[in-house]
Every structure is written in structure tokens, then in C-alpha cells.
Amino acid sequence: ILGNANTRVPFPGNIIPASMITPLAKTLMSVLPEPQYSGITNNILSAHGSTGTSHVPSIKLDYTFSSKNRISFFYSNYNNPATLYQDLVPGVPPSGGWGTTNMISYYRVNEDFIISPTMMSHFSIGLNRRHVLENPYSVSSTEQTDAFAQATYAPGNPTPWTSGRMTNYGGTEVAWGTFVSTDSRQRSIDAKEQVAWLRGKHSFKFGGEYLRWIYRRLDYNDSY
């Protein structure tokens, strides 16, 4: 039951009087589609999606120095560019989703060296780089005018929405778009040394590992 928040008196016919609807709310309501199902919640079919292409080139090289020593090199790259979310059902608010660009590079060198007929050394060192951009293009799935952006701007928010930029605007129950824009970068270096020794019926393995991991993230959210 809808009622006046100040007097707690129900509205006649359970309808909010037009005089109590603000211009901002009227603007937002003007782009709402008609309900497709019964009920006051979850009554609109909204479908959004995106397509993308992933590129995963890799290369591996092996070289034998001698019967006791060989080395290998491996490189792999994963690149999945972000694509714009598309609204698959006409007339519904823009999607709250966003595209993400993933870029990962992986390098590894391995060396096997036979120290003696019963002892072998295995050395491995790798570098991993990971770069993730959320909503890198900051482009709205539907273009709106500057006038619409200003009409739906609620005072107190960081900045008014700019035409052509993806952002989040609306009220508590109704919102369009997204406000995400992040840049995450990670780098790790991993080095391992392992020695295997055979003595009679027994085998022994010992070694060590060095790992350095660096991560940083930049957030520029809810600022458009």
C-alpha cells in the first residue's frame, strides 16, 4: 500500500498524486517500459549480452646443449578485448554490465642438467604479467542527450552524467548503466631449483623456491 511518508495516510486508489512526483522521477519514469508480467517486481524481461574474440598465441622452443644439459623456453599470451554490452530487448533500460579486457603474458625457462648418473638438477624461472581493464571504453550501451543527463542528475552526486559516457544514474529502485572503471595490474616472478638424487632403492629431492608477487589496482568508480 502506497502512502504519504509524512502523514502515513494511504494514497487514494493506491496511486501517488502527480503533484508529488518530482521532475527527475518523471524523466526516469518516461523511459521505463511497460510491465510484461504481473506483479510489482521482476515484471520486465531484460536481456543484455556481448560477444568477444580471444587470442591465445603460444610458442615453445627446446635446445639440447649436450646429452647432460638441455633447455626449453615457453611463451604464451592471452588477449580478450572488451566489447560493448548490447541491449537485446528493445525498450528496456541500458544494461548494468560492462566489458572487461584481459591481457595475460607468460614466460618460462626450464633447464635440466645431469650432475652425475644418480643426480639431476631442474631449474625453472617464470614471469607472469596480468592486466585487467573493467569498462575500458566507458561507453554507454545506449546514447542519451545531454539534456536527458542533466534532467536525471540528482543533486549531491559527484558529477552530472555526460552524454556518451557509461555511468550509473537513477534512484534507489531504478538505475541504468554502470559506474565501474578499474585498472588492475599484476606481475609475479617465480624461480625454482630442485635436485633429485638416487641412492640404491631410495630417492631424495630437495631444493628451494623464490616468489615475488606485485599487484596494484586503480579505481575510478562513480565519478562521471
C-alpha atoms as a PDB file:
ATOM      1  CA  ILE A   1       0.000   0.000   0.000  1.00  0.00           C
ATOM      2  CA  LEU A   2       1.413   3.379  -1.034  1.00  0.00           C
ATOM      3  CA  GLY A   3       1.047   6.221   1.443  1.00  0.00           C
ATOM      4  CA  ASN A   4       2.366   9.628   2.388  1.00  0.00           C
ATOM      5  CA  ALA A   5       5.699   9.205   4.156  1.00  0.00           C
ATOM      6  CA  ASN A   6       4.957  12.184   6.399  1.00  0.00           C
ATOM      7  CA  THR A   7       1.341  11.502   7.382  1.00  0.00           C
ATOM      8  CA  ARG A   8       1.303   7.714   6.799  1.00  0.00           C
ATOM      9  CA  VAL A   9      -2.099   8.145   5.154  1.00  0.00           C
ATOM     10  CA  PRO A  10      -2.651   5.816   2.157  1.00  0.00           C
ATOM     11  CA  PHE A  11      -2.985   7.482  -1.226  1.00  0.00           C
ATOM     12  CA  PRO A  12      -6.438   7.279  -2.819  1.00  0.00           C
ATOM     13  CA  GLY A  13      -6.549   4.344  -5.194  1.00  0.00           C
ATOM     14  CA  ASN A  14      -3.029   3.379  -4.137  1.00  0.00           C
ATOM     15  CA  ILE A  15      -1.680   5.905  -6.677  1.00  0.00           C
ATOM     16  CA  ILE A  16       0.880   8.596  -5.914  1.00  0.00           C
ATOM     17  CA  PRO A  17      -0.551  12.029  -6.791  1.00  0.00           C
ATOM     18  CA  ALA A  18       1.083  13.593  -9.843  1.00  0.00           C
ATOM     19  CA  SER A  19       1.866  16.737  -7.824  1.00  0.00           C
ATOM     20  CA  MET A  20       4.180  14.728  -5.570  1.00  0.00           C
ATOM     21  CA  ILE A  21       6.256  13.235  -8.381  1.00  0.00           C
ATOM     22  CA  THR A  22       9.420  15.256  -8.931  1.00  0.00           C
ATOM     23  CA  PRO A  23      10.594  16.258 -12.439  1.00  0.00           C
ATOM     24  CA  LEU A  24      13.595  13.955 -12.055  1.00  0.00           C
ATOM     25  CA  ALA A  25      11.347  10.990 -11.247  1.00  0.00           C
ATOM     26  CA  LYS A  26       9.064  11.820 -14.168  1.00  0.00           C
ATOM     27  CA  THR A  27      12.034  11.844 -16.536  1.00  0.00           C
ATOM     28  CA  LEU A  28      13.228   8.463 -15.307  1.00  0.00           C
ATOM     29  CA  MET A  29       9.724   7.004 -15.469  1.00  0.00           C
ATOM     30  CA  SER A  30       9.315   8.215 -19.053  1.00  0.00           C
ATOM     31  CA  VAL A  31      11.883   5.712 -20.294  1.00  0.00           C
ATOM     32  CA  LEU A  32      10.570   2.768 -18.294  1.00  0.00           C
ATOM     33  CA  PRO A  33       8.970   0.099 -20.492  1.00  0.00           C
ATOM     34  CA  GLU A  34       5.521  -1.232 -19.756  1.00  0.00           C
ATOM     35  CA  PRO A  35       5.448  -4.326 -17.492  1.00  0.00           C
ATOM     36  CA  GLN A  36       5.465  -7.595 -19.394  1.00  0.00           C
ATOM     37  CA  TYR A  37       4.422  -9.762 -16.457  1.00  0.00           C
ATOM     38  CA  SER A  38       2.104  -9.409 -13.488  1.00  0.00           C
ATOM     39  CA  GLY A  39       3.412  -8.286 -10.132  1.00  0.00           C
ATOM     40  CA  ILE A  40       5.213  -5.166  -8.957  1.00  0.00           C
ATOM     41  CA  THR A  41       8.733  -6.633  -9.142  1.00  0.00           C
ATOM     42  CA  ASN A  42      10.620  -8.686 -11.732  1.00  0.00           C
ATOM     43  CA  ASN A  43       7.966  -7.893 -14.314  1.00  0.00           C
ATOM     44  CA  ILE A  44      10.243  -6.859 -17.218  1.00  0.00           C
ATOM     45  CA  LEU A  45      12.190  -9.175 -19.494  1.00  0.00           C
ATOM     46  CA  SER A  46      15.654  -7.676 -19.826  1.00  0.00           C
ATOM     47  CA  ALA A  47      18.350  -9.332 -21.905  1.00  0.00           C
ATOM     48  CA  HIS A  48      21.840  -7.992 -22.467  1.00  0.00           C
ATOM     49  CA  GLY A  49      24.919  -9.598 -23.878  1.00  0.00           C
ATOM     50  CA  SER A  50      28.198  -9.157 -25.662  1.00  0.00           C
ATOM     51  CA  THR A  51      30.444 -11.100 -27.968  1.00  0.00           C
ATOM     52  CA  GLY A  52      34.199 -11.293 -27.949  1.00  0.00           C
ATOM     53  CA  THR A  53      37.220 -12.893 -29.529  1.00  0.00           C
ATOM     54  CA  SER A  54      40.104 -14.323 -27.534  1.00  0.00           C
ATOM     55  CA  HIS A  55      43.626 -14.508 -28.958  1.00  0.00           C
ATOM     56  CA  VAL A  56      45.878 -17.143 -27.368  1.00  0.00           C
ATOM     57  CA  PRO A  57      49.179 -17.453 -29.262  1.00  0.00           C
ATOM     58  CA  SER A  58      51.959 -19.534 -27.695  1.00  0.00           C
ATOM     59  CA  ILE A  59      55.396 -20.820 -28.633  1.00  0.00           C
ATOM     60  CA  LYS A  60      57.776 -23.404 -27.167  1.00  0.00           C
ATOM     61  CA  LEU A  61      61.455 -23.848 -28.029  1.00  0.00           C
ATOM     62  CA  ASP A  62      63.763 -26.679 -26.964  1.00  0.00           C
ATOM     63  CA  TYR A  63      67.520 -26.789 -27.281  1.00  0.00           C
ATOM     64  CA  THR A  64      69.936 -29.555 -26.314  1.00  0.00           C
ATOM     65  CA  PHE A  65      73.441 -28.435 -25.384  1.00  0.00           C
ATOM     66  CA  SER A  66      74.662 -31.972 -24.729  1.00  0.00           C
ATOM     67  CA  SER A  67      73.440 -35.323 -23.502  1.00  0.00           C
ATOM     68  CA  LYS A  68      73.594 -33.904 -19.987  1.00  0.00           C
ATOM     69  CA  ASN A  69      72.158 -30.449 -20.484  1.00  0.00           C
ATOM     70  CA  ARG A  70      69.045 -29.181 -22.216  1.00  0.00           C
ATOM     71  CA  ILE A  71      66.942 -26.034 -22.002  1.00  0.00           C
ATOM     72  CA  SER A  72      63.422 -25.024 -23.037  1.00  0.00           C
ATOM     73  CA  PHE A  73      61.578 -21.731 -23.412  1.00  0.00           C
ATOM     74  CA  PHE A  74      57.804 -21.233 -23.352  1.00  0.00           C
ATOM     75  CA  TYR A  75      55.784 -18.106 -24.094  1.00  0.00           C
ATOM     76  CA  SER A  76      52.018 -17.679 -24.059  1.00  0.00           C
ATOM     77  CA  ASN A  77      49.812 -14.641 -24.474  1.00  0.00           C
ATOM     78  CA  TYR A  78      46.099 -14.303 -23.770  1.00  0.00           C
ATOM     79  CA  ASN A  79      44.252 -11.258 -25.066  1.00  0.00           C
ATOM     80  CA  ASN A  80      40.495 -10.875 -24.764  1.00  0.00           C
ATOM     81  CA  PRO A  81      39.427  -7.312 -25.710  1.00  0.00           C
ATOM     82  CA  ALA A  82      36.318  -5.895 -24.091  1.00  0.00           C
ATOM     83  CA  THR A  83      33.226  -5.485 -26.221  1.00  0.00           C
ATOM     84  CA  LEU A  84      30.233  -3.257 -25.696  1.00  0.00           C
ATOM     85  CA  TYR A  85      27.228  -4.742 -23.938  1.00  0.00           C
ATOM     86  CA  GLN A  86      24.257  -4.775 -26.253  1.00  0.00           C
ATOM     87  CA  ASP A  87      20.625  -4.488 -25.195  1.00  0.00           C
ATOM     88  CA  LEU A  88      18.920  -7.431 -26.881  1.00  0.00           C
ATOM     89  CA  VAL A  89      15.366  -6.458 -25.950  1.00  0.00           C
ATOM     90  CA  PRO A  90      14.234  -3.065 -27.344  1.00  0.00           C
ATOM     91  CA  GLY A  91      12.784  -0.546 -24.938  1.00  0.00           C
ATOM     92  CA  VAL A  92      14.447  -1.679 -21.728  1.00  0.00           C
ATOM     93  CA  PRO A  93      16.900   0.375 -19.654  1.00  0.00           C
ATOM     94  CA  PRO A  94      20.591   0.078 -20.535  1.00  0.00           C
ATOM     95  CA  SER A  95      22.500  -2.852 -19.119  1.00  0.00           C
ATOM     96  CA  GLY A  96      24.297  -2.640 -15.811  1.00  0.00           C
ATOM     97  CA  GLY A  97      27.028  -4.888 -17.157  1.00  0.00           C
ATOM     98  CA  TRP A  98      30.309  -3.856 -18.673  1.00  0.00           C
ATOM     99  CA  GLY A  99      33.026  -5.309 -20.833  1.00  0.00           C
ATOM    100  CA  THR A 100      36.392  -6.379 -19.460  1.00  0.00           C
ATOM    101  CA  THR A 101      39.712  -6.529 -21.296  1.00  0.00           C
ATOM    102  CA  ASN A 102      42.051  -9.314 -20.140  1.00  0.00           C
ATOM    103  CA  MET A 103      45.706  -9.342 -21.178  1.00  0.00           C
ATOM    104  CA  ILE A 104      47.993 -12.046 -19.783  1.00  0.00           C
ATOM    105  CA  SER A 105      51.592 -12.818 -20.782  1.00  0.00           C
ATOM    106  CA  TYR A 106      53.502 -15.822 -19.505  1.00  0.00           C
ATOM    107  CA  TYR A 107      57.215 -16.573 -19.907  1.00  0.00           C
ATOM    108  CA  ARG A 108      59.066 -19.610 -18.584  1.00  0.00           C
ATOM    109  CA  VAL A 109      62.564 -21.056 -18.952  1.00  0.00           C
ATOM    110  CA  ASN A 110      63.446 -24.588 -17.806  1.00  0.00           C
ATOM    111  CA  GLU A 111      66.873 -26.207 -17.621  1.00  0.00           C
ATOM    112  CA  ASP A 112      67.704 -29.825 -16.865  1.00  0.00           C
ATOM    113  CA  PHE A 113      71.282 -30.703 -16.014  1.00  0.00           C
ATOM    114  CA  ILE A 114      72.600 -34.173 -15.193  1.00  0.00           C
ATOM    115  CA  ILE A 115      75.217 -33.747 -12.491  1.00  0.00           C
ATOM    116  CA  SER A 116      76.021 -37.452 -12.253  1.00  0.00           C
ATOM    117  CA  PRO A 117      74.378 -40.742 -13.253  1.00  0.00           C
ATOM    118  CA  THR A 118      72.390 -40.599  -9.982  1.00  0.00           C
ATOM    119  CA  MET A 119      71.839 -36.857  -9.606  1.00  0.00           C
ATOM    120  CA  MET A 120      69.941 -34.355 -11.735  1.00  0.00           C
ATOM    121  CA  SER A 121      69.153 -30.665 -11.331  1.00  0.00           C
ATOM    122  CA  HIS A 122      65.988 -28.990 -12.609  1.00  0.00           C
ATOM    123  CA  PHE A 123      65.844 -25.170 -12.671  1.00  0.00           C
ATOM    124  CA  SER A 124      62.808 -23.157 -13.682  1.00  0.00           C
ATOM    125  CA  ILE A 125      62.105 -19.424 -13.771  1.00  0.00           C
ATOM    126  CA  GLY A 126      58.904 -17.750 -14.919  1.00  0.00           C
ATOM    127  CA  LEU A 127      57.399 -14.308 -15.334  1.00  0.00           C
ATOM    128  CA  ASN A 128      53.659 -13.713 -15.374  1.00  0.00           C
ATOM    129  CA  ARG A 129      52.039 -10.397 -16.309  1.00  0.00           C
ATOM    130  CA  ARG A 130      48.313  -9.808 -15.953  1.00  0.00           C
ATOM    131  CA  HIS A 131      46.431  -6.646 -16.943  1.00  0.00           C
ATOM    132  CA  VAL A 132      42.670  -6.334 -16.466  1.00  0.00           C
ATOM    133  CA  LEU A 133      40.622  -3.301 -17.517  1.00  0.00           C
ATOM    134  CA  GLU A 134      36.976  -3.141 -16.481  1.00  0.00           C
ATOM    135  CA  ASN A 135      34.793  -0.998 -18.718  1.00  0.00           C
ATOM    136  CA  PRO A 136      37.846   0.372 -20.579  1.00  0.00           C
ATOM    137  CA  TYR A 137      35.909   2.379 -23.146  1.00  0.00           C
ATOM    138  CA  SER A 138      33.363   3.874 -20.732  1.00  0.00           C
ATOM    139  CA  VAL A 139      30.777   3.988 -23.490  1.00  0.00           C
ATOM    140  CA  SER A 140      27.101   3.673 -22.751  1.00  0.00           C
ATOM    141  CA  SER A 141      25.137   0.876 -24.395  1.00  0.00           C
ATOM    142  CA  THR A 142      22.549   3.488 -25.392  1.00  0.00           C
ATOM    143  CA  GLU A 143      23.314   7.064 -26.326  1.00  0.00           C
ATOM    144  CA  GLN A 144      21.397   9.738 -24.454  1.00  0.00           C
ATOM    145  CA  THR A 145      21.387  13.501 -24.848  1.00  0.00           C
ATOM    146  CA  ASP A 146      22.993  15.995 -22.522  1.00  0.00           C
ATOM    147  CA  ALA A 147      19.522  17.315 -21.700  1.00  0.00           C
ATOM    148  CA  PHE A 148      18.433  13.878 -20.522  1.00  0.00           C
ATOM    149  CA  ALA A 149      21.626  13.531 -18.497  1.00  0.00           C
ATOM    150  CA  GLN A 150      21.009  16.839 -16.721  1.00  0.00           C
ATOM    151  CA  ALA A 151      17.334  16.003 -16.155  1.00  0.00           C
ATOM    152  CA  THR A 152      18.242  12.764 -14.390  1.00  0.00           C
ATOM    153  CA  TYR A 153      21.041  14.225 -12.290  1.00  0.00           C
ATOM    154  CA  ALA A 154      20.305  14.078  -8.581  1.00  0.00           C
ATOM    155  CA  PRO A 155      21.983  16.902  -6.594  1.00  0.00           C
ATOM    156  CA  GLY A 156      24.647  15.579  -4.261  1.00  0.00           C
ATOM    157  CA  ASN A 157      26.058  13.051  -6.692  1.00  0.00           C
ATOM    158  CA  PRO A 158      29.747  13.504  -7.679  1.00  0.00           C
ATOM    159  CA  THR A 159      29.149  14.933 -11.162  1.00  0.00           C
ATOM    160  CA  PRO A 160      26.327  15.042 -13.706  1.00  0.00           C
ATOM    161  CA  TRP A 161      26.291  12.265 -16.267  1.00  0.00           C
ATOM    162  CA  THR A 162      27.965  13.170 -19.567  1.00  0.00           C
ATOM    163  CA  SER A 163      26.433  12.190 -22.867  1.00  0.00           C
ATOM    164  CA  GLY A 164      28.137   9.192 -24.443  1.00  0.00           C
ATOM    165  CA  ARG A 165      29.735   8.038 -21.211  1.00  0.00           C
ATOM    166  CA  MET A 166      28.641   4.938 -19.366  1.00  0.00           C
ATOM    167  CA  THR A 167      27.600   5.663 -15.819  1.00  0.00           C
ATOM    168  CA  ASN A 168      25.013   4.773 -13.222  1.00  0.00           C
ATOM    169  CA  TYR A 169      22.064   7.055 -12.745  1.00  0.00           C
ATOM    170  CA  GLY A 170      18.640   6.632 -11.233  1.00  0.00           C
ATOM    171  CA  GLY A 171      17.009   6.164  -7.867  1.00  0.00           C
ATOM    172  CA  THR A 172      17.059   3.530  -5.145  1.00  0.00           C
ATOM    173  CA  GLU A 173      14.814   1.137  -7.033  1.00  0.00           C
ATOM    174  CA  VAL A 174      15.606   2.153 -10.625  1.00  0.00           C
ATOM    175  CA  ALA A 175      19.069   2.569 -12.122  1.00  0.00           C
ATOM    176  CA  TRP A 176      20.651   2.459 -15.561  1.00  0.00           C
ATOM    177  CA  GLY A 177      24.142   1.745 -16.772  1.00  0.00           C
ATOM    178  CA  THR A 178      27.188   1.181 -14.604  1.00  0.00           C
ATOM    179  CA  PHE A 179      29.784   3.249 -12.789  1.00  0.00           C
ATOM    180  CA  VAL A 180      32.731   0.849 -12.959  1.00  0.00           C
ATOM    181  CA  SER A 181      36.127   1.827 -14.348  1.00  0.00           C
ATOM    182  CA  THR A 182      39.141  -0.039 -12.954  1.00  0.00           C
ATOM    183  CA  ASP A 183      42.711  -0.834 -13.979  1.00  0.00           C
ATOM    184  CA  SER A 184      44.297  -3.869 -12.310  1.00  0.00           C
ATOM    185  CA  ARG A 185      47.882  -4.946 -12.953  1.00  0.00           C
ATOM    186  CA  GLN A 186      49.731  -7.911 -11.541  1.00  0.00           C
ATOM    187  CA  ARG A 187      53.276  -9.172 -12.016  1.00  0.00           C
ATOM    188  CA  SER A 188      54.873 -12.232 -10.491  1.00  0.00           C
ATOM    189  CA  ILE A 189      58.336 -13.812 -10.738  1.00  0.00           C
ATOM    190  CA  ASP A 190      58.825 -17.412  -9.709  1.00  0.00           C
ATOM    191  CA  ALA A 191      62.154 -19.282  -9.604  1.00  0.00           C
ATOM    192  CA  LYS A 192      62.581 -22.909  -8.538  1.00  0.00           C
ATOM    193  CA  GLU A 193      65.585 -25.173  -8.147  1.00  0.00           C
ATOM    194  CA  GLN A 194      65.209 -28.890  -7.456  1.00  0.00           C
ATOM    195  CA  VAL A 195      67.847 -31.586  -7.199  1.00  0.00           C
ATOM    196  CA  ALA A 196      66.933 -35.271  -7.415  1.00  0.00           C
ATOM    197  CA  TRP A 197      69.358 -37.885  -6.063  1.00  0.00           C
ATOM    198  CA  LEU A 198      69.066 -41.655  -6.434  1.00  0.00           C
ATOM    199  CA  ARG A 199      70.883 -43.898  -3.980  1.00  0.00           C
ATOM    200  CA  GLY A 200      70.172 -47.588  -4.168  1.00  0.00           C
ATOM    201  CA  LYS A 201      66.442 -48.134  -3.688  1.00  0.00           C
ATOM    202  CA  HIS A 202      65.929 -44.650  -2.298  1.00  0.00           C
ATOM    203  CA  SER A 203      65.351 -41.284  -3.939  1.00  0.00           C
ATOM    204  CA  PHE A 204      65.819 -37.850  -2.404  1.00  0.00           C
ATOM    205  CA  LYS A 205      64.596 -34.493  -3.644  1.00  0.00           C
ATOM    206  CA  PHE A 206      65.472 -31.103  -2.251  1.00  0.00           C
ATOM    207  CA  GLY A 207      65.507 -27.536  -3.481  1.00  0.00           C
ATOM    208  CA  GLY A 208      64.075 -24.070  -2.999  1.00  0.00           C
ATOM    209  CA  GLU A 209      61.684 -21.544  -4.462  1.00  0.00           C
ATOM    210  CA  TYR A 210      61.642 -17.755  -4.779  1.00  0.00           C
ATOM    211  CA  LEU A 211      58.356 -15.966  -5.445  1.00  0.00           C
ATOM    212  CA  ARG A 212      57.754 -12.244  -5.795  1.00  0.00           C
ATOM    213  CA  TRP A 213      54.229 -11.012  -6.435  1.00  0.00           C
ATOM    214  CA  ILE A 214      53.257  -7.396  -7.150  1.00  0.00           C
ATOM    215  CA  TYR A 215      49.692  -6.154  -7.515  1.00  0.00           C
ATOM    216  CA  ARG A 216      48.182  -2.724  -7.882  1.00  0.00           C
ATOM    217  CA  ARG A 217      44.679  -1.563  -8.708  1.00  0.00           C
ATOM    218  CA  LEU A 218      43.329   1.830  -9.721  1.00  0.00           C
ATOM    219  CA  ASP A 219      39.644   2.550  -9.217  1.00  0.00           C
ATOM    220  CA  TYR A 220      37.815   5.440 -10.793  1.00  0.00           C
ATOM    221  CA  ASN A 221      34.283   4.481  -9.902  1.00  0.00           C
ATOM    222  CA  ASP A 222      31.125   6.544  -9.541  1.00  0.00           C
ATOM    223  CA  SER A 223      32.889   9.710 -10.722  1.00  0.00           C
ATOM    224  CA  TYR A 224      31.279  10.506 -14.039  1.00  0.00           C
END
